[in-house]
């Protein structure tokens, strides 16, 4: 097994190679852009009808576009390699749990957690399997979701955030948008929170901080009334299914006199915006299915377990320049009353502020080293 020093040296070399490759690509891009500008300036001074000059500019533009596309593909490959490295490192330090010890994966990153989960399906598990919890909470029979169900839920989540809201105010450096309570036809309430901020942090630093996060560091989409963050360590999160390296189905159990429980779909998407800037979006969406509802109804009643099926969180990080990103947070969840909705908003705002403070602190520690 690799020693801690060897792992650190390996990660340092990996970061160095990545940084050098990015610097090389940026230098090439700047050189090409300078050549294009030079050619355009020459065209303004000389006869613009010069076919040779037009052809050269056309070739440069095509080459620049080709290099930009290649840069995007290289960045995707770098991210894939980093995630693979996190799996290798996690296995080396023994994150993969012994199946005879514990099924809880809350203290692992989602990538090794998806590999070490005891509840992964086998060819004979079409009808599902039994899911147990580490502290003796009531178990349940899980019917797996189809990939089509997963994609449909995530697409509906994406469509929900196309509309924009007006600004309501500012809170600890975050812009807060109008997102009033929604009352459903059945008289139930759904609370919303929309926040955004511009953070002095590079896109790569944000990605490197968010992607390896352990499951117990993820925000909780829903928390019951009178819940406090001091109870966070008792929450159990397990990976039940994986459709891709960044697409998973999880179950969350929040212990209490009545255990709060929900399925959540998790997805991470890396994209390139129309202006060429990179972005990645982390989405958590609560879900359920008729089969799982039917399974729970068929078992003996569990008055000490409450299932929640409406809520979600969507956090998008967009590159502004080499040292700045825009962060947009959209969250929503079903609420018992207006007080519960206010408590959820406070929790979500605290998570956003805690994250930005942690990012700034990590940059200071890094600079101090």
Protein backbone atom coordinates (compact mmCIF):
# COMPACT_ATOMS: atom_id res chain seq x y z
CA UNK A 1 0.00 0.00 0.00
CA UNK A 2 1.13 3.58 -0.69
CA UNK A 3 2.38 5.57 2.30
CA UNK A 4 0.86 8.93 3.09
CA UNK A 5 4.02 10.65 1.85
CA UNK A 6 3.91 8.72 -1.43
CA UNK A 7 0.23 9.59 -1.90
CA UNK A 8 0.96 13.27 -1.26
CA UNK A 9 3.87 13.22 -3.70
CA UNK A 10 1.73 11.47 -6.31
CA UNK A 11 -1.11 13.96 -5.91
CA UNK A 12 1.39 16.84 -6.04
CA UNK A 13 2.84 15.53 -9.31
CA UNK A 14 -0.68 15.07 -10.71
CA UNK A 15 -1.60 18.65 -9.84
CA UNK A 16 1.66 19.89 -11.34
CA UNK A 17 1.06 18.06 -14.60
CA UNK A 18 -2.50 19.37 -14.74
CA UNK A 19 -1.36 22.94 -14.05
CA UNK A 20 1.39 22.77 -16.67
CA UNK A 21 -1.01 21.39 -19.28
CA UNK A 22 -3.52 24.16 -18.59
CA UNK A 23 -0.82 26.82 -18.76
CA UNK A 24 0.41 25.41 -22.06
CA UNK A 25 -3.11 25.43 -23.51
CA UNK A 26 -3.71 28.98 -22.33
CA UNK A 27 -0.41 30.14 -23.84
CA UNK A 28 -1.33 28.55 -27.16
CA UNK A 29 -4.76 30.16 -27.05
CA UNK A 30 -3.28 33.60 -26.27
CA UNK A 31 -0.78 33.26 -29.12
CA UNK A 32 -3.51 32.32 -31.57
CA UNK A 33 -5.74 35.15 -30.38
CA UNK A 34 -2.84 37.58 -30.79
CA UNK A 35 -2.26 36.33 -34.33
CA UNK A 36 -5.95 36.76 -35.17
CA UNK A 37 -5.95 40.32 -33.79
CA UNK A 38 -2.79 41.09 -35.74
CA UNK A 39 -4.33 39.79 -38.95
CA UNK A 40 -7.52 41.77 -38.36
CA UNK A 41 -5.52 44.95 -37.75
CA UNK A 42 -3.59 44.35 -40.96
CA UNK A 43 -6.84 43.91 -42.84
CA UNK A 44 -8.04 47.33 -41.66
CA UNK A 45 -4.90 48.97 -43.02
CA UNK A 46 -4.62 47.09 -46.30
CA UNK A 47 -6.95 46.03 -49.02
CA UNK A 48 -9.65 43.95 -47.32
CA UNK A 49 -10.22 42.05 -50.51
CA UNK A 50 -6.93 40.16 -50.21
CA UNK A 51 -8.01 36.57 -50.64
CA UNK A 52 -4.81 35.17 -49.12
CA UNK A 53 -5.22 37.20 -45.93
CA UNK A 54 -8.88 36.26 -45.61
CA UNK A 55 -7.95 32.64 -46.06
CA UNK A 56 -5.26 32.88 -43.37
CA UNK A 57 -7.66 34.49 -40.91
CA UNK A 58 -10.24 31.85 -41.69
CA UNK A 59 -7.68 29.10 -41.04
CA UNK A 60 -6.64 30.72 -37.75
CA UNK A 61 -10.25 30.98 -36.62
CA UNK A 62 -10.83 27.32 -37.42
CA UNK A 63 -7.63 26.32 -35.62
CA UNK A 64 -8.58 28.39 -32.56
CA UNK A 65 -12.02 26.76 -32.44
CA UNK A 66 -10.42 23.32 -32.79
CA UNK A 67 -8.02 24.04 -29.92
CA UNK A 68 -10.86 25.33 -27.74
CA UNK A 69 -12.78 22.10 -28.36
CA UNK A 70 -9.66 20.08 -27.59
CA UNK A 71 -9.18 22.09 -24.39
CA UNK A 72 -12.72 21.24 -23.26
CA UNK A 73 -12.17 17.54 -23.94
CA UNK A 74 -8.86 17.62 -22.06
CA UNK A 75 -10.56 19.25 -19.08
CA UNK A 76 -13.21 16.54 -19.04
CA UNK A 77 -10.50 13.89 -19.17
CA UNK A 78 -8.63 15.58 -16.32
CA UNK A 79 -11.81 15.53 -14.21
CA UNK A 80 -12.33 11.84 -15.00
CA UNK A 81 -8.75 11.09 -14.00
CA UNK A 82 -9.14 13.02 -10.75
CA UNK A 83 -12.28 11.08 -9.84
CA UNK A 84 -10.51 7.83 -10.69
CA UNK A 85 -7.62 8.93 -8.49
CA UNK A 86 -10.02 9.59 -5.61
CA UNK A 87 -11.26 6.01 -5.93
CA UNK A 88 -7.72 4.63 -5.91
CA UNK A 89 -6.74 6.76 -2.94
CA UNK A 90 -9.88 5.83 -1.02
CA UNK A 91 -9.19 2.14 -1.56
CA UNK A 92 -5.58 2.57 -0.48
CA UNK A 93 -6.45 4.16 2.85
CA UNK A 94 -9.14 1.59 3.53
CA UNK A 95 -12.33 3.55 2.92
CA UNK A 96 -13.98 0.53 1.35
CA UNK A 97 -15.91 -1.01 4.20
CA UNK A 98 -15.85 -4.62 5.15
CA UNK A 99 -19.31 -6.01 4.33
CA UNK A 100 -19.41 -7.76 7.68
CA UNK A 101 -18.96 -4.50 9.62
CA UNK A 102 -21.25 -1.71 8.50
CA UNK A 103 -23.53 -0.77 5.64
CA UNK A 104 -23.39 2.97 6.33
CA UNK A 105 -21.41 4.95 3.74
CA UNK A 106 -22.05 8.45 5.12
CA UNK A 107 -18.37 8.99 5.95
CA UNK A 108 -17.15 8.17 2.43
CA UNK A 109 -17.03 10.11 -0.81
CA UNK A 110 -19.86 9.20 -3.20
CA UNK A 111 -17.47 7.47 -5.65
CA UNK A 112 -16.05 4.85 -3.25
CA UNK A 113 -19.42 4.73 -1.45
CA UNK A 114 -21.11 3.64 -4.68
CA UNK A 115 -18.55 0.85 -5.03
CA UNK A 116 -18.62 -0.34 -1.42
CA UNK A 117 -22.40 -0.19 -0.92
CA UNK A 118 -23.85 -3.48 0.27
CA UNK A 119 -27.10 -2.81 -1.54
CA UNK A 120 -25.90 -2.88 -5.13
CA UNK A 121 -28.17 -5.05 -7.34
CA UNK A 122 -27.31 -8.49 -8.64
CA UNK A 123 -28.79 -10.18 -11.73
CA UNK A 124 -31.44 -11.73 -9.46
CA UNK A 125 -32.53 -8.47 -7.81
CA UNK A 126 -35.10 -7.25 -10.33
CA UNK A 127 -37.73 -7.12 -7.57
CA UNK A 128 -35.44 -5.25 -5.19
CA UNK A 129 -33.67 -6.01 -1.95
CA UNK A 130 -33.77 -5.30 1.78
CA UNK A 131 -32.04 -2.13 3.00
CA UNK A 132 -30.84 -1.99 6.60
CA UNK A 133 -29.45 0.87 8.68
CA UNK A 134 -26.43 0.88 11.01
CA UNK A 135 -28.18 1.79 14.28
CA UNK A 136 -31.11 -0.61 14.16
CA UNK A 137 -33.61 1.74 12.51
CA UNK A 138 -36.50 -0.06 10.75
CA UNK A 139 -35.38 -1.64 7.47
CA UNK A 140 -37.39 -1.56 4.25
CA UNK A 141 -37.68 -3.37 0.92
CA UNK A 142 -36.31 -1.27 -1.92
CA UNK A 143 -37.49 -1.57 -5.52
CA UNK A 144 -34.80 -0.15 -7.86
CA UNK A 145 -35.54 2.87 -10.02
CA UNK A 146 -35.12 2.68 -13.78
CA UNK A 147 -32.65 4.96 -15.53
CA UNK A 148 -35.58 6.50 -17.42
CA UNK A 149 -37.23 7.43 -14.09
CA UNK A 150 -33.95 8.97 -12.92
CA UNK A 151 -33.49 11.02 -16.10
CA UNK A 152 -37.11 12.21 -16.10
CA UNK A 153 -36.89 13.49 -12.52
CA UNK A 154 -33.60 15.29 -13.18
CA UNK A 155 -34.93 16.84 -16.40
CA UNK A 156 -37.95 18.21 -14.54
CA UNK A 157 -35.55 19.69 -12.00
CA UNK A 158 -33.56 21.42 -14.76
CA UNK A 159 -36.73 22.84 -16.33
CA UNK A 160 -37.84 24.24 -12.99
CA UNK A 161 -34.96 26.73 -12.80
CA UNK A 162 -35.13 28.36 -16.22
CA UNK A 163 -37.26 31.24 -14.88
CA UNK A 164 -35.60 34.14 -13.03
CA UNK A 165 -36.67 35.85 -9.80
CA UNK A 166 -36.36 39.42 -8.58
CA UNK A 167 -33.87 40.30 -5.83
CA UNK A 168 -35.31 40.38 -2.31
CA UNK A 169 -32.17 41.48 -0.44
CA UNK A 170 -28.69 40.46 0.65
CA UNK A 171 -27.48 38.19 3.45
CA UNK A 172 -23.82 37.73 4.48
CA UNK A 173 -22.56 38.43 0.97
CA UNK A 174 -25.25 36.35 -0.76
CA UNK A 175 -27.99 37.78 -2.95
CA UNK A 176 -31.40 36.48 -1.89
CA UNK A 177 -34.16 36.20 -4.52
CA UNK A 178 -37.94 36.24 -4.10
CA UNK A 179 -39.13 32.65 -3.68
CA UNK A 180 -42.46 32.70 -1.79
CA UNK A 181 -44.13 29.71 -0.19
CA UNK A 182 -46.23 27.64 -2.56
CA UNK A 183 -49.48 26.06 -1.41
CA UNK A 184 -50.48 22.90 -3.27
CA UNK A 185 -54.04 21.87 -4.11
CA UNK A 186 -53.96 19.46 -1.16
CA UNK A 187 -53.15 22.49 1.08
CA UNK A 188 -49.55 21.36 1.67
CA UNK A 189 -46.75 23.95 1.68
CA UNK A 190 -43.50 23.97 -0.29
CA UNK A 191 -40.72 26.31 0.82
CA UNK A 192 -38.17 27.77 -1.60
CA UNK A 193 -34.81 29.50 -1.28
CA UNK A 194 -32.73 31.06 -4.06
CA UNK A 195 -29.29 32.46 -3.36
CA UNK A 196 -26.32 33.56 -5.45
CA UNK A 197 -22.86 34.96 -4.82
CA UNK A 198 -19.65 35.80 -6.63
CA UNK A 199 -16.79 34.05 -4.84
CA UNK A 200 -13.04 34.74 -5.07
CA UNK A 201 -12.15 31.16 -5.90
CA UNK A 202 -10.99 29.53 -9.11
CA UNK A 203 -13.24 27.04 -10.89
CA UNK A 204 -10.68 24.25 -10.39
CA UNK A 205 -10.41 24.99 -6.66
CA UNK A 206 -14.20 24.86 -6.26
CA UNK A 207 -14.44 21.60 -8.20
CA UNK A 208 -11.57 20.08 -6.22
CA UNK A 209 -13.32 21.07 -2.97
CA UNK A 210 -16.85 19.95 -3.85
CA UNK A 211 -16.31 16.74 -5.85
CA UNK A 212 -14.45 14.78 -3.12
CA UNK A 213 -16.92 15.81 -0.39
CA UNK A 214 -18.04 13.01 1.91
CA UNK A 215 -21.72 12.17 1.97
CA UNK A 216 -22.04 13.47 5.53
CA UNK A 217 -20.84 16.87 4.26
CA UNK A 218 -23.61 17.18 1.67
CA UNK A 219 -26.53 19.51 2.44
CA UNK A 220 -29.71 17.87 3.70
CA UNK A 221 -32.54 18.71 1.32
CA UNK A 222 -35.15 18.23 4.03
CA UNK A 223 -34.91 18.38 7.82
CA UNK A 224 -37.81 17.86 10.25
CA UNK A 225 -39.13 20.67 12.48
CA UNK A 226 -36.99 21.50 15.54
CA UNK A 227 -33.98 19.77 13.96
CA UNK A 228 -30.55 21.32 14.60
CA UNK A 229 -27.17 20.92 12.89
CA UNK A 230 -25.76 19.36 16.08
CA UNK A 231 -27.74 16.22 15.14
CA UNK A 232 -26.04 15.95 11.73
CA UNK A 233 -23.64 13.18 12.79
CA UNK A 234 -26.56 10.80 13.39
CA UNK A 235 -27.84 11.07 9.80
CA UNK A 236 -27.25 7.97 7.65
CA UNK A 237 -26.85 8.23 3.86
CA UNK A 238 -26.42 5.13 1.69
CA UNK A 239 -25.90 4.66 -2.04
CA UNK A 240 -28.51 2.27 -3.46
CA UNK A 241 -27.93 2.53 -7.22
CA UNK A 242 -25.43 4.06 -9.67
CA UNK A 243 -26.35 4.76 -13.30
CA UNK A 244 -23.02 6.48 -14.08
CA UNK A 245 -19.96 7.76 -12.25
CA UNK A 246 -21.89 10.96 -11.42
CA UNK A 247 -25.49 9.68 -11.25
CA UNK A 248 -26.69 7.88 -8.11
CA UNK A 249 -29.76 6.93 -6.08
CA UNK A 250 -29.36 7.34 -2.31
CA UNK A 251 -31.48 6.90 0.79
CA UNK A 252 -31.23 9.31 3.71
CA UNK A 253 -32.39 8.51 7.25
CA UNK A 254 -32.63 11.30 9.86
CA UNK A 255 -33.08 9.66 13.28
CA UNK A 256 -35.50 10.94 15.89
CA UNK A 257 -38.66 9.94 17.75
CA UNK A 258 -40.01 9.65 14.20
CA UNK A 259 -37.34 8.72 11.66
CA UNK A 260 -37.45 11.03 8.63
CA UNK A 261 -36.49 9.17 5.47
CA UNK A 262 -36.30 9.88 1.74
CA UNK A 263 -34.82 8.72 -1.55
CA UNK A 264 -32.73 11.28 -3.36
CA UNK A 265 -31.31 11.30 -6.87
CA UNK A 266 -27.81 12.80 -7.07
CA UNK A 267 -26.17 14.05 -10.25
CA UNK A 268 -23.11 16.11 -11.13
CA UNK A 269 -22.83 17.69 -14.60
CA UNK A 270 -19.75 19.34 -16.11
CA UNK A 271 -20.57 21.71 -18.98
CA UNK A 272 -19.13 24.47 -21.16
CA UNK A 273 -21.31 27.59 -21.41
CA UNK A 274 -21.98 29.44 -24.66
CA UNK A 275 -19.23 31.96 -23.82
CA UNK A 276 -16.65 29.19 -23.45
CA UNK A 277 -16.59 29.30 -19.63
CA UNK A 278 -16.85 26.07 -17.67
CA UNK A 279 -19.57 25.18 -15.17
CA UNK A 280 -20.65 22.24 -13.09
CA UNK A 281 -23.99 21.62 -11.42
CA UNK A 282 -24.63 19.38 -8.42
CA UNK A 283 -28.28 18.38 -8.06
CA UNK A 284 -30.10 16.48 -5.30
CA UNK A 285 -33.77 15.73 -5.94
CA UNK A 286 -36.17 13.79 -3.70
CA UNK A 287 -38.10 11.04 -5.47
CA UNK A 288 -40.31 8.02 -4.94
CA UNK A 289 -42.06 5.39 -7.04
CA UNK A 290 -45.36 3.52 -7.03
CA UNK A 291 -43.51 0.25 -6.49
CA UNK A 292 -41.75 1.51 -3.36
CA UNK A 293 -44.95 3.06 -1.99
CA UNK A 294 -46.68 -0.28 -2.58
CA UNK A 295 -43.86 -2.19 -0.85
CA UNK A 296 -44.10 0.01 2.25
CA UNK A 297 -47.88 -0.35 2.36
CA UNK A 298 -47.57 -4.14 2.18
CA UNK A 299 -45.34 -4.31 5.26
CA UNK A 300 -46.38 -3.94 8.86
CA UNK A 301 -47.03 -0.28 9.79
CA UNK A 302 -44.07 1.77 11.06
CA UNK A 303 -45.53 4.84 12.82
CA UNK A 304 -41.98 5.80 13.81
CA UNK A 305 -40.94 6.30 10.14
CA UNK A 306 -42.03 9.19 7.92
CA UNK A 307 -41.18 9.24 4.20
CA UNK A 308 -40.77 12.59 2.39
CA UNK A 309 -40.97 12.77 -1.41
CA UNK A 310 -40.83 16.46 -2.37
CA UNK A 311 -37.73 18.63 -2.28
CA UNK A 312 -34.39 19.25 -3.91
CA UNK A 313 -31.21 21.29 -4.05
CA UNK A 314 -29.38 22.51 -7.13
CA UNK A 315 -26.02 24.28 -6.86
CA UNK A 316 -24.32 25.61 -9.99
CA UNK A 317 -20.73 26.84 -10.12
CA UNK A 318 -19.83 28.95 -13.18
CA UNK A 319 -16.35 30.15 -14.11
CA UNK A 320 -16.06 33.96 -14.40
CA UNK A 321 -12.28 34.27 -14.77
CA UNK A 322 -9.14 32.53 -13.50
CA UNK A 323 -9.81 33.52 -9.88
CA UNK A 324 -13.58 34.02 -9.63
CA UNK A 325 -16.75 31.93 -9.87
CA UNK A 326 -20.49 32.58 -9.66
CA UNK A 327 -22.46 30.29 -7.33
CA UNK A 328 -26.24 29.85 -7.67
CA UNK A 329 -28.21 27.82 -5.09
CA UNK A 330 -31.82 26.75 -5.59
CA UNK A 331 -33.52 24.67 -2.89
CA UNK A 332 -37.09 23.65 -2.14
CA UNK A 333 -38.86 21.19 0.16
CA UNK A 334 -42.27 20.34 1.55
CA UNK A 335 -43.04 22.04 4.89
CA UNK A 336 -45.44 21.37 7.73
CA UNK A 337 -46.13 25.08 8.30
CA UNK A 338 -44.64 28.56 7.79
CA UNK A 339 -42.37 28.22 10.84
CA UNK A 340 -40.95 25.00 9.42
CA UNK A 341 -40.37 26.79 6.10
CA UNK A 342 -38.46 29.60 7.86
CA UNK A 343 -36.32 27.03 9.70
CA UNK A 344 -35.49 25.30 6.41
CA UNK A 345 -34.51 28.64 4.84
CA UNK A 346 -32.21 29.37 7.79
CA UNK A 347 -30.60 25.92 7.45
CA UNK A 348 -30.04 26.36 3.70
CA UNK A 349 -28.62 29.88 4.18
CA UNK A 350 -26.32 28.61 6.95
CA UNK A 351 -25.05 25.86 4.67
CA UNK A 352 -24.29 28.35 1.87
CA UNK A 353 -22.47 30.71 4.25
CA UNK A 354 -20.60 27.85 5.91
CA UNK A 355 -19.44 26.61 2.51
CA UNK A 356 -18.18 30.03 1.35
CA UNK A 357 -16.39 30.60 4.69
CA UNK A 358 -14.79 27.16 4.43
CA UNK A 359 -13.59 27.91 0.90
CA UNK A 360 -12.03 31.19 2.00
CA UNK A 361 -10.41 29.52 5.03
CA UNK A 362 -8.96 26.73 2.89
CA UNK A 363 -7.43 29.34 0.55
CA UNK A 364 -5.84 31.12 3.53
CA UNK A 365 -4.41 27.87 4.89
CA UNK A 366 -3.08 27.00 1.44
CA UNK A 367 -1.47 30.43 1.11
CA UNK A 368 0.07 30.07 4.57
CA UNK A 369 1.68 26.77 3.61
